[in-house]
ModelCIF file with pLDDT and N, C-alpha, C, O atoms, coordinates in Angstrom:
data_MODEL
#
_entry.id   MODEL 
#
_entity.id                         1 
_entity.type                       polymer 
_entity.pdbx_number_of_molecules   1 
#
_entity_poly.entity_id                      1 
_entity_poly.type                           'polypeptide(L)' 
_entity_poly.nstd_linkage                   no 
_entity_poly.nstd_monomer                   no 
_entity_poly.pdbx_seq_one_letter_code       
;(UNK)(UNK)(UNK)(UNK)(UNK)(UNK)(UNK)(UNK)(UNK)(UNK)(UNK)(UNK)(UNK)(UNK)(UNK)(UNK)
(UNK)(UNK)(UNK)(UNK)(UNK)(UNK)(UNK)(UNK)(UNK)(UNK)(UNK)(UNK)(UNK)(UNK)(UNK)(UNK)
(UNK)(UNK)(UNK)(UNK)(UNK)(UNK)
;
_entity_poly.pdbx_seq_one_letter_code_can   XXXXXXXXXXXXXXXXXXXXXXXXXXXXXXXXXXXXXX 
_entity_poly.pdbx_strand_id                 A 
#
loop_
_entity_poly_seq.entity_id 
_entity_poly_seq.num 
_entity_poly_seq.mon_id 
_entity_poly_seq.hetero 
1 1  UNK n 
1 2  UNK n 
1 3  UNK n 
1 4  UNK n 
1 5  UNK n 
1 6  UNK n 
1 7  UNK n 
1 8  UNK n 
1 9  UNK n 
1 10 UNK n 
1 11 UNK n 
1 12 UNK n 
1 13 UNK n 
1 14 UNK n 
1 15 UNK n 
1 16 UNK n 
1 17 UNK n 
1 18 UNK n 
1 19 UNK n 
1 20 UNK n 
1 21 UNK n 
1 22 UNK n 
1 23 UNK n 
1 24 UNK n 
1 25 UNK n 
1 26 UNK n 
1 27 UNK n 
1 28 UNK n 
1 29 UNK n 
1 30 UNK n 
1 31 UNK n 
1 32 UNK n 
1 33 UNK n 
1 34 UNK n 
1 35 UNK n 
1 36 UNK n 
1 37 UNK n 
1 38 UNK n 
#
_struct_asym.id          A 
_struct_asym.entity_id   1 
#
loop_
_ma_qa_metric.id 
_ma_qa_metric.mode 
_ma_qa_metric.name 
_ma_qa_metric.software_group_id 
_ma_qa_metric.type 
1 global pLDDT . pLDDT 
2 local  pLDDT . pLDDT 
#
_ma_qa_metric_global.metric_id      1 
_ma_qa_metric_global.metric_value   48.55 
_ma_qa_metric_global.model_id       1 
_ma_qa_metric_global.ordinal_id     1 
#
loop_
_ma_qa_metric_local.label_asym_id 
_ma_qa_metric_local.label_comp_id 
_ma_qa_metric_local.label_seq_id 
_ma_qa_metric_local.metric_id 
_ma_qa_metric_local.metric_value 
_ma_qa_metric_local.model_id 
_ma_qa_metric_local.ordinal_id 
A UNK 1  2 61.00 1 1  
A UNK 2  2 54.00 1 2  
A UNK 3  2 48.00 1 3  
A UNK 4  2 45.00 1 4  
A UNK 5  2 42.00 1 5  
A UNK 6  2 42.00 1 6  
A UNK 7  2 47.00 1 7  
A UNK 8  2 50.00 1 8  
A UNK 9  2 51.00 1 9  
A UNK 10 2 54.00 1 10 
A UNK 11 2 57.00 1 11 
A UNK 12 2 57.00 1 12 
A UNK 13 2 61.00 1 13 
A UNK 14 2 56.00 1 14 
A UNK 15 2 59.00 1 15 
A UNK 16 2 60.00 1 16 
A UNK 17 2 59.00 1 17 
A UNK 18 2 54.00 1 18 
A UNK 19 2 53.00 1 19 
A UNK 20 2 52.00 1 20 
A UNK 21 2 50.00 1 21 
A UNK 22 2 50.00 1 22 
A UNK 23 2 49.00 1 23 
A UNK 24 2 48.00 1 24 
A UNK 25 2 42.00 1 25 
A UNK 26 2 37.00 1 26 
A UNK 27 2 40.00 1 27 
A UNK 28 2 43.00 1 28 
A UNK 29 2 38.00 1 29 
A UNK 30 2 39.00 1 30 
A UNK 31 2 44.00 1 31 
A UNK 32 2 42.00 1 32 
A UNK 33 2 42.00 1 33 
A UNK 34 2 43.00 1 34 
A UNK 35 2 45.00 1 35 
A UNK 36 2 43.00 1 36 
A UNK 37 2 43.00 1 37 
A UNK 38 2 45.00 1 38 
#
loop_
_atom_site.group_PDB 
_atom_site.id 
_atom_site.type_symbol 
_atom_site.label_atom_id 
_atom_site.label_alt_id 
_atom_site.label_comp_id 
_atom_site.label_asym_id 
_atom_site.label_entity_id 
_atom_site.label_seq_id 
_atom_site.pdbx_PDB_ins_code 
_atom_site.Cartn_x 
_atom_site.Cartn_y 
_atom_site.Cartn_z 
_atom_site.occupancy 
_atom_site.B_iso_or_equiv 
_atom_site.pdbx_formal_charge 
_atom_site.auth_seq_id 
_atom_site.auth_comp_id 
_atom_site.auth_asym_id 
_atom_site.auth_atom_id 
_atom_site.pdbx_PDB_model_num 
ATOM 1   N N  . UNK A 1 1  ? -96.595  165.732 168.572 1.00 61.00 ? 1  UNK A N  1 
ATOM 2   C CA . UNK A 1 1  ? -96.280  167.138 168.807 1.00 61.00 ? 1  UNK A CA 1 
ATOM 3   C C  . UNK A 1 1  ? -96.872  167.599 170.134 1.00 61.00 ? 1  UNK A C  1 
ATOM 4   O O  . UNK A 1 1  ? -96.246  168.360 170.873 1.00 61.00 ? 1  UNK A O  1 
ATOM 5   N N  . UNK A 1 2  ? -98.103  167.124 170.434 1.00 54.00 ? 2  UNK A N  1 
ATOM 6   C CA . UNK A 1 2  ? -98.767  167.497 171.673 1.00 54.00 ? 2  UNK A CA 1 
ATOM 7   C C  . UNK A 1 2  ? -98.065  166.872 172.873 1.00 54.00 ? 2  UNK A C  1 
ATOM 8   O O  . UNK A 1 2  ? -97.873  167.523 173.900 1.00 54.00 ? 2  UNK A O  1 
ATOM 9   N N  . UNK A 1 3  ? -97.681  165.595 172.735 1.00 48.00 ? 3  UNK A N  1 
ATOM 10  C CA . UNK A 1 3  ? -97.027  164.889 173.833 1.00 48.00 ? 3  UNK A CA 1 
ATOM 11  C C  . UNK A 1 3  ? -95.723  165.557 174.229 1.00 48.00 ? 3  UNK A C  1 
ATOM 12  O O  . UNK A 1 3  ? -95.396  165.671 175.410 1.00 48.00 ? 3  UNK A O  1 
ATOM 13  N N  . UNK A 1 4  ? -94.973  166.003 173.203 1.00 45.00 ? 4  UNK A N  1 
ATOM 14  C CA . UNK A 1 4  ? -93.675  166.625 173.474 1.00 45.00 ? 4  UNK A CA 1 
ATOM 15  C C  . UNK A 1 4  ? -93.778  168.136 173.629 1.00 45.00 ? 4  UNK A C  1 
ATOM 16  O O  . UNK A 1 4  ? -92.769  168.840 173.656 1.00 45.00 ? 4  UNK A O  1 
ATOM 17  N N  . UNK A 1 5  ? -95.018  168.625 173.732 1.00 42.00 ? 5  UNK A N  1 
ATOM 18  C CA . UNK A 1 5  ? -95.231  170.058 173.958 1.00 42.00 ? 5  UNK A CA 1 
ATOM 19  C C  . UNK A 1 5  ? -94.562  170.896 172.881 1.00 42.00 ? 5  UNK A C  1 
ATOM 20  O O  . UNK A 1 5  ? -93.998  171.956 173.153 1.00 42.00 ? 5  UNK A O  1 
ATOM 21  N N  . UNK A 1 6  ? -94.638  170.392 171.640 1.00 42.00 ? 6  UNK A N  1 
ATOM 22  C CA . UNK A 1 6  ? -94.050  171.113 170.514 1.00 42.00 ? 6  UNK A CA 1 
ATOM 23  C C  . UNK A 1 6  ? -95.065  172.120 169.968 1.00 42.00 ? 6  UNK A C  1 
ATOM 24  O O  . UNK A 1 6  ? -95.657  171.905 168.911 1.00 42.00 ? 6  UNK A O  1 
ATOM 25  N N  . UNK A 1 7  ? -95.256  173.214 170.694 1.00 47.00 ? 7  UNK A N  1 
ATOM 26  C CA . UNK A 1 7  ? -96.260  174.189 170.293 1.00 47.00 ? 7  UNK A CA 1 
ATOM 27  C C  . UNK A 1 7  ? -95.924  174.812 168.940 1.00 47.00 ? 7  UNK A C  1 
ATOM 28  O O  . UNK A 1 7  ? -96.817  175.095 168.141 1.00 47.00 ? 7  UNK A O  1 
ATOM 29  N N  . UNK A 1 8  ? -94.614  175.028 168.686 1.00 50.00 ? 8  UNK A N  1 
ATOM 30  C CA . UNK A 1 8  ? -94.226  175.582 167.385 1.00 50.00 ? 8  UNK A CA 1 
ATOM 31  C C  . UNK A 1 8  ? -94.601  174.635 166.265 1.00 50.00 ? 8  UNK A C  1 
ATOM 32  O O  . UNK A 1 8  ? -95.100  175.058 165.223 1.00 50.00 ? 8  UNK A O  1 
ATOM 33  N N  . UNK A 1 9  ? -94.356  173.335 166.485 1.00 51.00 ? 9  UNK A N  1 
ATOM 34  C CA . UNK A 1 9  ? -94.681  172.347 165.465 1.00 51.00 ? 9  UNK A CA 1 
ATOM 35  C C  . UNK A 1 9  ? -96.186  172.270 165.249 1.00 51.00 ? 9  UNK A C  1 
ATOM 36  O O  . UNK A 1 9  ? -96.647  172.190 164.111 1.00 51.00 ? 9  UNK A O  1 
ATOM 37  N N  . UNK A 1 10 ? -96.956  172.296 166.341 1.00 54.00 ? 10 UNK A N  1 
ATOM 38  C CA . UNK A 1 10 ? -98.413  172.271 166.218 1.00 54.00 ? 10 UNK A CA 1 
ATOM 39  C C  . UNK A 1 10 ? -98.909  173.485 165.433 1.00 54.00 ? 10 UNK A C  1 
ATOM 40  O O  . UNK A 1 10 ? -99.788  173.376 164.578 1.00 54.00 ? 10 UNK A O  1 
ATOM 41  N N  . UNK A 1 11 ? -98.321  174.651 165.748 1.00 57.00 ? 11 UNK A N  1 
ATOM 42  C CA . UNK A 1 11 ? -98.729  175.871 165.060 1.00 57.00 ? 11 UNK A CA 1 
ATOM 43  C C  . UNK A 1 11 ? -98.408  175.793 163.573 1.00 57.00 ? 11 UNK A C  1 
ATOM 44  O O  . UNK A 1 11 ? -99.216  176.186 162.731 1.00 57.00 ? 11 UNK A O  1 
ATOM 45  N N  . UNK A 1 12 ? -97.194  175.270 163.251 1.00 57.00 ? 12 UNK A N  1 
ATOM 46  C CA . UNK A 1 12 ? -96.814  175.160 161.848 1.00 57.00 ? 12 UNK A CA 1 
ATOM 47  C C  . UNK A 1 12 ? -97.718  174.180 161.117 1.00 57.00 ? 12 UNK A C  1 
ATOM 48  O O  . UNK A 1 12 ? -98.112  174.414 159.974 1.00 57.00 ? 12 UNK A O  1 
ATOM 49  N N  . UNK A 1 13 ? -98.046  173.071 161.795 1.00 61.00 ? 13 UNK A N  1 
ATOM 50  C CA . UNK A 1 13 ? -98.921  172.080 161.175 1.00 61.00 ? 13 UNK A CA 1 
ATOM 51  C C  . UNK A 1 13 ? -100.282 172.678 160.857 1.00 61.00 ? 13 UNK A C  1 
ATOM 52  O O  . UNK A 1 13 ? -100.832 172.453 159.778 1.00 61.00 ? 13 UNK A O  1 
ATOM 53  N N  . UNK A 1 14 ? -100.823 173.441 161.801 1.00 56.00 ? 14 UNK A N  1 
ATOM 54  C CA . UNK A 1 14 ? -102.154 174.025 161.587 1.00 56.00 ? 14 UNK A CA 1 
ATOM 55  C C  . UNK A 1 14 ? -102.107 175.132 160.545 1.00 56.00 ? 14 UNK A C  1 
ATOM 56  O O  . UNK A 1 14 ? -103.092 175.368 159.846 1.00 56.00 ? 14 UNK A O  1 
ATOM 57  N N  . UNK A 1 15 ? -100.968 175.815 160.435 1.00 59.00 ? 15 UNK A N  1 
ATOM 58  C CA . UNK A 1 15 ? -100.827 176.834 159.386 1.00 59.00 ? 15 UNK A CA 1 
ATOM 59  C C  . UNK A 1 15 ? -100.768 176.185 158.006 1.00 59.00 ? 15 UNK A C  1 
ATOM 60  O O  . UNK A 1 15 ? -101.360 176.677 157.045 1.00 59.00 ? 15 UNK A O  1 
ATOM 61  N N  . UNK A 1 16 ? -100.031 175.054 157.926 1.00 60.00 ? 16 UNK A N  1 
ATOM 62  C CA . UNK A 1 16 ? -99.850  174.380 156.645 1.00 60.00 ? 16 UNK A CA 1 
ATOM 63  C C  . UNK A 1 16 ? -101.101 173.598 156.241 1.00 60.00 ? 16 UNK A C  1 
ATOM 64  O O  . UNK A 1 16 ? -101.490 173.580 155.073 1.00 60.00 ? 16 UNK A O  1 
ATOM 65  N N  . UNK A 1 17 ? -101.735 172.941 157.252 1.00 59.00 ? 17 UNK A N  1 
ATOM 66  C CA . UNK A 1 17 ? -102.897 172.085 156.980 1.00 59.00 ? 17 UNK A CA 1 
ATOM 67  C C  . UNK A 1 17 ? -104.061 172.493 157.880 1.00 59.00 ? 17 UNK A C  1 
ATOM 68  O O  . UNK A 1 17 ? -104.392 171.778 158.827 1.00 59.00 ? 17 UNK A O  1 
ATOM 69  N N  . UNK A 1 18 ? -104.687 173.640 157.591 1.00 54.00 ? 18 UNK A N  1 
ATOM 70  C CA . UNK A 1 18 ? -105.758 174.128 158.469 1.00 54.00 ? 18 UNK A CA 1 
ATOM 71  C C  . UNK A 1 18 ? -106.966 173.207 158.518 1.00 54.00 ? 18 UNK A C  1 
ATOM 72  O O  . UNK A 1 18 ? -107.757 173.264 159.459 1.00 54.00 ? 18 UNK A O  1 
ATOM 73  N N  . UNK A 1 19 ? -107.111 172.350 157.496 1.00 53.00 ? 19 UNK A N  1 
ATOM 74  C CA . UNK A 1 19 ? -108.278 171.460 157.460 1.00 53.00 ? 19 UNK A CA 1 
ATOM 75  C C  . UNK A 1 19 ? -108.081 170.235 158.329 1.00 53.00 ? 19 UNK A C  1 
ATOM 76  O O  . UNK A 1 19 ? -109.031 169.487 158.560 1.00 53.00 ? 19 UNK A O  1 
ATOM 77  N N  . UNK A 1 20 ? -106.851 170.009 158.824 1.00 52.00 ? 20 UNK A N  1 
ATOM 78  C CA . UNK A 1 20 ? -106.575 168.855 159.668 1.00 52.00 ? 20 UNK A CA 1 
ATOM 79  C C  . UNK A 1 20 ? -106.620 169.309 161.118 1.00 52.00 ? 20 UNK A C  1 
ATOM 80  O O  . UNK A 1 20 ? -105.843 170.177 161.517 1.00 52.00 ? 20 UNK A O  1 
ATOM 81  N N  . UNK A 1 21 ? -107.508 168.743 161.902 1.00 50.00 ? 21 UNK A N  1 
ATOM 82  C CA . UNK A 1 21 ? -107.662 169.152 163.293 1.00 50.00 ? 21 UNK A CA 1 
ATOM 83  C C  . UNK A 1 21 ? -106.855 168.249 164.203 1.00 50.00 ? 21 UNK A C  1 
ATOM 84  O O  . UNK A 1 21 ? -106.756 167.048 163.955 1.00 50.00 ? 21 UNK A O  1 
ATOM 85  N N  . UNK A 1 22 ? -106.270 168.817 165.264 1.00 50.00 ? 22 UNK A N  1 
ATOM 86  C CA . UNK A 1 22 ? -105.563 167.991 166.226 1.00 50.00 ? 22 UNK A CA 1 
ATOM 87  C C  . UNK A 1 22 ? -106.520 167.022 166.890 1.00 50.00 ? 22 UNK A C  1 
ATOM 88  O O  . UNK A 1 22 ? -107.710 167.320 166.994 1.00 50.00 ? 22 UNK A O  1 
ATOM 89  N N  . UNK A 1 23 ? -106.044 165.876 167.340 1.00 49.00 ? 23 UNK A N  1 
ATOM 90  C CA . UNK A 1 23 ? -106.912 164.890 167.973 1.00 49.00 ? 23 UNK A CA 1 
ATOM 91  C C  . UNK A 1 23 ? -107.402 165.395 169.313 1.00 49.00 ? 23 UNK A C  1 
ATOM 92  O O  . UNK A 1 23 ? -106.813 166.298 169.907 1.00 49.00 ? 23 UNK A O  1 
ATOM 93  N N  . UNK A 1 24 ? -108.496 164.799 169.786 1.00 48.00 ? 24 UNK A N  1 
ATOM 94  C CA . UNK A 1 24 ? -108.999 165.139 171.107 1.00 48.00 ? 24 UNK A CA 1 
ATOM 95  C C  . UNK A 1 24 ? -108.006 164.661 172.157 1.00 48.00 ? 24 UNK A C  1 
ATOM 96  O O  . UNK A 1 24 ? -107.183 163.784 171.893 1.00 48.00 ? 24 UNK A O  1 
ATOM 97  N N  . UNK A 1 25 ? -108.087 165.235 173.335 1.00 42.00 ? 25 UNK A N  1 
ATOM 98  C CA . UNK A 1 25 ? -107.160 164.857 174.399 1.00 42.00 ? 25 UNK A CA 1 
ATOM 99  C C  . UNK A 1 25 ? -107.225 163.363 174.636 1.00 42.00 ? 25 UNK A C  1 
ATOM 100 O O  . UNK A 1 25 ? -108.294 162.755 174.575 1.00 42.00 ? 25 UNK A O  1 
ATOM 101 N N  . UNK A 1 26 ? -106.088 162.787 174.902 1.00 37.00 ? 26 UNK A N  1 
ATOM 102 C CA . UNK A 1 26 ? -105.993 161.349 175.108 1.00 37.00 ? 26 UNK A CA 1 
ATOM 103 C C  . UNK A 1 26 ? -106.408 161.006 176.530 1.00 37.00 ? 26 UNK A C  1 
ATOM 104 O O  . UNK A 1 26 ? -106.177 161.779 177.461 1.00 37.00 ? 26 UNK A O  1 
ATOM 105 N N  . UNK A 1 27 ? -107.030 159.826 176.691 1.00 40.00 ? 27 UNK A N  1 
ATOM 106 C CA . UNK A 1 27 ? -107.315 159.407 178.056 1.00 40.00 ? 27 UNK A CA 1 
ATOM 107 C C  . UNK A 1 27 ? -106.013 158.990 178.718 1.00 40.00 ? 27 UNK A C  1 
ATOM 108 O O  . UNK A 1 27 ? -105.023 158.732 178.033 1.00 40.00 ? 27 UNK A O  1 
ATOM 109 N N  . UNK A 1 28 ? -106.002 158.923 180.029 1.00 43.00 ? 28 UNK A N  1 
ATOM 110 C CA . UNK A 1 28 ? -104.770 158.718 180.766 1.00 43.00 ? 28 UNK A CA 1 
ATOM 111 C C  . UNK A 1 28 ? -104.060 157.436 180.379 1.00 43.00 ? 28 UNK A C  1 
ATOM 112 O O  . UNK A 1 28 ? -102.839 157.423 180.227 1.00 43.00 ? 28 UNK A O  1 
ATOM 113 N N  . UNK A 1 29 ? -104.818 156.349 180.218 1.00 38.00 ? 29 UNK A N  1 
ATOM 114 C CA . UNK A 1 29 ? -104.192 155.062 179.939 1.00 38.00 ? 29 UNK A CA 1 
ATOM 115 C C  . UNK A 1 29 ? -103.541 155.072 178.564 1.00 38.00 ? 29 UNK A C  1 
ATOM 116 O O  . UNK A 1 29 ? -102.378 154.696 178.416 1.00 38.00 ? 29 UNK A O  1 
ATOM 117 N N  . UNK A 1 30 ? -104.300 155.506 177.556 1.00 39.00 ? 30 UNK A N  1 
ATOM 118 C CA . UNK A 1 30 ? -103.760 155.524 176.200 1.00 39.00 ? 30 UNK A CA 1 
ATOM 119 C C  . UNK A 1 30 ? -102.674 156.574 176.058 1.00 39.00 ? 30 UNK A C  1 
ATOM 120 O O  . UNK A 1 30 ? -101.680 156.367 175.362 1.00 39.00 ? 30 UNK A O  1 
ATOM 121 N N  . UNK A 1 31 ? -102.878 157.722 176.736 1.00 44.00 ? 31 UNK A N  1 
ATOM 122 C CA . UNK A 1 31 ? -101.876 158.780 176.659 1.00 44.00 ? 31 UNK A CA 1 
ATOM 123 C C  . UNK A 1 31 ? -100.540 158.333 177.210 1.00 44.00 ? 31 UNK A C  1 
ATOM 124 O O  . UNK A 1 31 ? -99.495  158.654 176.644 1.00 44.00 ? 31 UNK A O  1 
ATOM 125 N N  . UNK A 1 32 ? -100.559 157.586 178.323 1.00 42.00 ? 32 UNK A N  1 
ATOM 126 C CA . UNK A 1 32 ? -99.309  157.108 178.899 1.00 42.00 ? 32 UNK A CA 1 
ATOM 127 C C  . UNK A 1 32 ? -98.627  156.124 177.970 1.00 42.00 ? 32 UNK A C  1 
ATOM 128 O O  . UNK A 1 32 ? -97.410  156.176 177.789 1.00 42.00 ? 32 UNK A O  1 
ATOM 129 N N  . UNK A 1 33 ? -99.404  155.226 177.379 1.00 42.00 ? 33 UNK A N  1 
ATOM 130 C CA . UNK A 1 33 ? -98.822  154.246 176.460 1.00 42.00 ? 33 UNK A CA 1 
ATOM 131 C C  . UNK A 1 33 ? -98.243  154.943 175.237 1.00 42.00 ? 33 UNK A C  1 
ATOM 132 O O  . UNK A 1 33 ? -97.154  154.607 174.773 1.00 42.00 ? 33 UNK A O  1 
ATOM 133 N N  . UNK A 1 34 ? -98.983  155.917 174.724 1.00 43.00 ? 34 UNK A N  1 
ATOM 134 C CA . UNK A 1 34 ? -98.500  156.632 173.537 1.00 43.00 ? 34 UNK A CA 1 
ATOM 135 C C  . UNK A 1 34 ? -97.251  157.443 173.848 1.00 43.00 ? 34 UNK A C  1 
ATOM 136 O O  . UNK A 1 34 ? -96.320  157.501 173.044 1.00 43.00 ? 34 UNK A O  1 
ATOM 137 N N  . UNK A 1 35 ? -97.239  158.074 175.030 1.00 45.00 ? 35 UNK A N  1 
ATOM 138 C CA . UNK A 1 35 ? -96.067  158.857 175.405 1.00 45.00 ? 35 UNK A CA 1 
ATOM 139 C C  . UNK A 1 35 ? -94.828  157.984 175.459 1.00 45.00 ? 35 UNK A C  1 
ATOM 140 O O  . UNK A 1 35 ? -93.754  158.409 175.032 1.00 45.00 ? 35 UNK A O  1 
ATOM 141 N N  . UNK A 1 36 ? -94.958  156.768 175.977 1.00 43.00 ? 36 UNK A N  1 
ATOM 142 C CA . UNK A 1 36 ? -93.815  155.862 176.032 1.00 43.00 ? 36 UNK A CA 1 
ATOM 143 C C  . UNK A 1 36 ? -93.347  155.501 174.634 1.00 43.00 ? 36 UNK A C  1 
ATOM 144 O O  . UNK A 1 36 ? -92.152  155.515 174.337 1.00 43.00 ? 36 UNK A O  1 
ATOM 145 N N  . UNK A 1 37 ? -94.328  155.173 173.765 1.00 43.00 ? 37 UNK A N  1 
ATOM 146 C CA . UNK A 1 37 ? -93.960  154.811 172.390 1.00 43.00 ? 37 UNK A CA 1 
ATOM 147 C C  . UNK A 1 37 ? -93.354  155.999 171.665 1.00 43.00 ? 37 UNK A C  1 
ATOM 148 O O  . UNK A 1 37 ? -92.385  155.852 170.920 1.00 43.00 ? 37 UNK A O  1 
ATOM 149 N N  . UNK A 1 38 ? -93.929  157.186 171.885 1.00 45.00 ? 38 UNK A N  1 
ATOM 150 C CA . UNK A 1 38 ? -93.405  158.372 171.224 1.00 45.00 ? 38 UNK A CA 1 
ATOM 151 C C  . UNK A 1 38 ? -91.999  158.677 171.697 1.00 45.00 ? 38 UNK A C  1 
ATOM 152 O O  . UNK A 1 38 ? -91.392  159.648 171.245 1.00 45.00 ? 38 UNK A O  1 
#
C-alpha cells in the first residue's frame, strides 16, 4: 500500500486494524527490490 501510494488503503487498514502498525521505511536497496516485486 505504501509503495503504490495507496493512502486510502493505508487509512482503511489502520481504521480496521489499529493494533497493526505500518512497517518502518524501507532502505533503498530492499525498497527497490520490493517495489519491483510488488
